[in-house]
Amino acid sequence: MGNLADLEIFSRVVASGSMSAAGRELGLQPAIISKRIKRLEERLGTRLLQRTTRQISLTEAPAFISGWCRHWRAWKKRKPLHRANPARCAAA
C-alpha cells in the first residue's frame, strides 16, 4: 500500500467518523486501518487523529490534509469540489 492508499484510508476514516466504518467500506480490518494511519502520521511527522476507545477527532495539524483528501476523492470520482478555485478545498 502506498502513500495515496494511506491518504485514501485517512480520508475514509475522517469521512466515516471511525476506523471500523472505514474498514467496512474498504474491506479492511480496523487494526490494519490503525496501522496505516500510524504509518501516515510517522511519514508526515505529526499526529493526525486523536483516538479514544469511543471516537476519533482531527488534531489541528490535518485540517489542510483533510481538505486535500476530500478534493482528491472528488477528483478521483471526476467531480471536483471547487472548479474555479481548488485552493478553497481546505476551507470547505
C-alpha atoms as a PDB file:
ATOM      1  CA  MET A   1       0.000   0.000   0.000  1.00  0.00           C
ATOM      2  CA  GLY A   2       1.466   3.351  -0.989  1.00  0.00           C
ATOM      3  CA  ASN A   3       1.167   6.947   0.047  1.00  0.00           C
ATOM      4  CA  LEU A   4      -2.055   7.595  -1.863  1.00  0.00           C
ATOM      5  CA  ALA A   5      -3.648   4.480  -0.419  1.00  0.00           C
ATOM      6  CA  ASP A   6      -2.815   5.688   3.099  1.00  0.00           C
ATOM      7  CA  LEU A   7      -4.325   9.086   2.284  1.00  0.00           C
ATOM      8  CA  GLU A   8      -7.434   7.331   0.978  1.00  0.00           C
ATOM      9  CA  ILE A   9      -7.690   5.398   4.244  1.00  0.00           C
ATOM     10  CA  PHE A  10      -7.239   8.620   6.240  1.00  0.00           C
ATOM     11  CA  SER A  11      -9.902  10.316   4.139  1.00  0.00           C
ATOM     12  CA  ARG A  12     -12.356   7.456   4.703  1.00  0.00           C
ATOM     13  CA  VAL A  13     -11.723   7.461   8.453  1.00  0.00           C
ATOM     14  CA  VAL A  14     -12.412  11.201   8.619  1.00  0.00           C
ATOM     15  CA  ALA A  15     -15.499  10.949   6.384  1.00  0.00           C
ATOM     16  CA  SER A  16     -16.995   7.960   8.205  1.00  0.00           C
ATOM     17  CA  GLY A  17     -16.029   9.047  11.709  1.00  0.00           C
ATOM     18  CA  SER A  18     -14.491   5.748  12.751  1.00  0.00           C
ATOM     19  CA  MET A  19     -11.832   3.252  11.813  1.00  0.00           C
ATOM     20  CA  SER A  20     -14.357   0.419  11.961  1.00  0.00           C
ATOM     21  CA  ALA A  21     -16.693   2.121   9.490  1.00  0.00           C
ATOM     22  CA  ALA A  22     -13.783   2.967   7.189  1.00  0.00           C
ATOM     23  CA  GLY A  23     -12.639  -0.645   7.420  1.00  0.00           C
ATOM     24  CA  ARG A  24     -16.075  -1.907   6.409  1.00  0.00           C
ATOM     25  CA  GLU A  25     -16.116   0.485   3.418  1.00  0.00           C
ATOM     26  CA  LEU A  26     -12.633  -0.578   2.328  1.00  0.00           C
ATOM     27  CA  GLY A  27     -12.868  -4.253   3.245  1.00  0.00           C
ATOM     28  CA  LEU A  28     -10.037  -3.971   5.794  1.00  0.00           C
ATOM     29  CA  GLN A  29      -9.778  -4.855   9.477  1.00  0.00           C
ATOM     30  CA  PRO A  30      -9.717  -1.881  11.912  1.00  0.00           C
ATOM     31  CA  ALA A  31      -6.245  -2.962  13.079  1.00  0.00           C
ATOM     32  CA  ILE A  32      -4.927  -2.548   9.523  1.00  0.00           C
ATOM     33  CA  ILE A  33      -6.633   0.845   9.250  1.00  0.00           C
ATOM     34  CA  SER A  34      -4.971   1.889  12.514  1.00  0.00           C
ATOM     35  CA  LYS A  35      -1.535   0.732  11.308  1.00  0.00           C
ATOM     36  CA  ARG A  36      -1.886   2.653   8.041  1.00  0.00           C
ATOM     37  CA  ILE A  37      -2.933   5.833   9.851  1.00  0.00           C
ATOM     38  CA  LYS A  38       0.021   5.446  12.212  1.00  0.00           C
ATOM     39  CA  ARG A  39       2.352   4.937   9.244  1.00  0.00           C
ATOM     40  CA  LEU A  40       0.993   8.075   7.562  1.00  0.00           C
ATOM     41  CA  GLU A  41       1.435  10.048  10.796  1.00  0.00           C
ATOM     42  CA  GLU A  42       5.020   8.838  11.096  1.00  0.00           C
ATOM     43  CA  ARG A  43       5.751   9.740   7.497  1.00  0.00           C
ATOM     44  CA  LEU A  44       4.276  13.224   7.922  1.00  0.00           C
ATOM     45  CA  GLY A  45       5.864  13.712  11.343  1.00  0.00           C
ATOM     46  CA  THR A  46       2.633  14.795  13.004  1.00  0.00           C
ATOM     47  CA  ARG A  47      -0.359  13.267  14.721  1.00  0.00           C
ATOM     48  CA  LEU A  48      -3.456  13.446  12.515  1.00  0.00           C
ATOM     49  CA  LEU A  49      -6.118  11.865  14.703  1.00  0.00           C
ATOM     50  CA  GLN A  50      -6.870  11.972  18.406  1.00  0.00           C
ATOM     51  CA  ARG A  51      -8.070   8.478  19.255  1.00  0.00           C
ATOM     52  CA  THR A  52     -10.146   7.219  22.155  1.00  0.00           C
ATOM     53  CA  THR A  53     -11.922   3.895  22.513  1.00  0.00           C
ATOM     54  CA  ARG A  54     -15.201   5.577  21.548  1.00  0.00           C
ATOM     55  CA  GLN A  55     -14.326   8.196  18.963  1.00  0.00           C
ATOM     56  CA  ILE A  56     -11.739   9.856  16.792  1.00  0.00           C
ATOM     57  CA  SER A  57     -11.259  13.528  16.096  1.00  0.00           C
ATOM     58  CA  LEU A  58      -8.911  15.534  13.937  1.00  0.00           C
ATOM     59  CA  THR A  59      -5.984  17.236  15.559  1.00  0.00           C
ATOM     60  CA  GLU A  60      -5.201  20.761  14.433  1.00  0.00           C
ATOM     61  CA  ALA A  61      -2.459  19.587  12.061  1.00  0.00           C
ATOM     62  CA  PRO A  62      -4.524  17.754   9.440  1.00  0.00           C
ATOM     63  CA  ALA A  63      -7.063  20.443   8.547  1.00  0.00           C
ATOM     64  CA  PHE A  64      -5.275  21.071   5.258  1.00  0.00           C
ATOM     65  CA  ILE A  65      -4.634  17.368   4.654  1.00  0.00           C
ATOM     66  CA  SER A  66      -8.280  16.508   5.262  1.00  0.00           C
ATOM     67  CA  GLY A  67      -9.402  19.182   2.801  1.00  0.00           C
ATOM     68  CA  TRP A  68      -6.897  17.968   0.250  1.00  0.00           C
ATOM     69  CA  CYS A  69      -8.138  14.386   0.706  1.00  0.00           C
ATOM     70  CA  ARG A  70     -11.751  15.453   0.130  1.00  0.00           C
ATOM     71  CA  HIS A  71     -10.702  17.229  -3.045  1.00  0.00           C
ATOM     72  CA  TRP A  72      -8.625  14.247  -4.184  1.00  0.00           C
ATOM     73  CA  ARG A  73     -11.503  11.822  -3.604  1.00  0.00           C
ATOM     74  CA  ALA A  74     -13.855  14.108  -5.539  1.00  0.00           C
ATOM     75  CA  TRP A  75     -11.314  14.374  -8.363  1.00  0.00           C
ATOM     76  CA  LYS A  76     -10.953  10.617  -8.358  1.00  0.00           C
ATOM     77  CA  LYS A  77     -14.699  10.392  -8.898  1.00  0.00           C
ATOM     78  CA  ARG A  78     -14.391  13.106 -11.593  1.00  0.00           C
ATOM     79  CA  LYS A  79     -16.494  15.566  -9.600  1.00  0.00           C
ATOM     80  CA  PRO A  80     -14.229  18.433  -8.436  1.00  0.00           C
ATOM     81  CA  LEU A  81     -15.454  20.225  -5.330  1.00  0.00           C
ATOM     82  CA  HIS A  82     -14.276  23.687  -6.391  1.00  0.00           C
ATOM     83  CA  ARG A  83     -13.562  24.013 -10.086  1.00  0.00           C
ATOM     84  CA  ALA A  84     -12.903  27.737 -10.027  1.00  0.00           C
ATOM     85  CA  ASN A  85     -10.561  27.683  -7.024  1.00  0.00           C
ATOM     86  CA  PRO A  86      -9.174  24.297  -5.879  1.00  0.00           C
ATOM     87  CA  ALA A  87      -7.337  26.039  -3.029  1.00  0.00           C
ATOM     88  CA  ARG A  88     -10.718  26.584  -1.370  1.00  0.00           C
ATOM     89  CA  CYS A  89     -10.885  22.840  -0.786  1.00  0.00           C
ATOM     90  CA  ALA A  90      -9.047  23.170   2.517  1.00  0.00           C
ATOM     91  CA  ALA A  91     -11.637  25.660   3.735  1.00  0.00           C
ATOM     92  CA  ALA A  92     -14.616  23.525   2.692  1.00  0.00           C
END
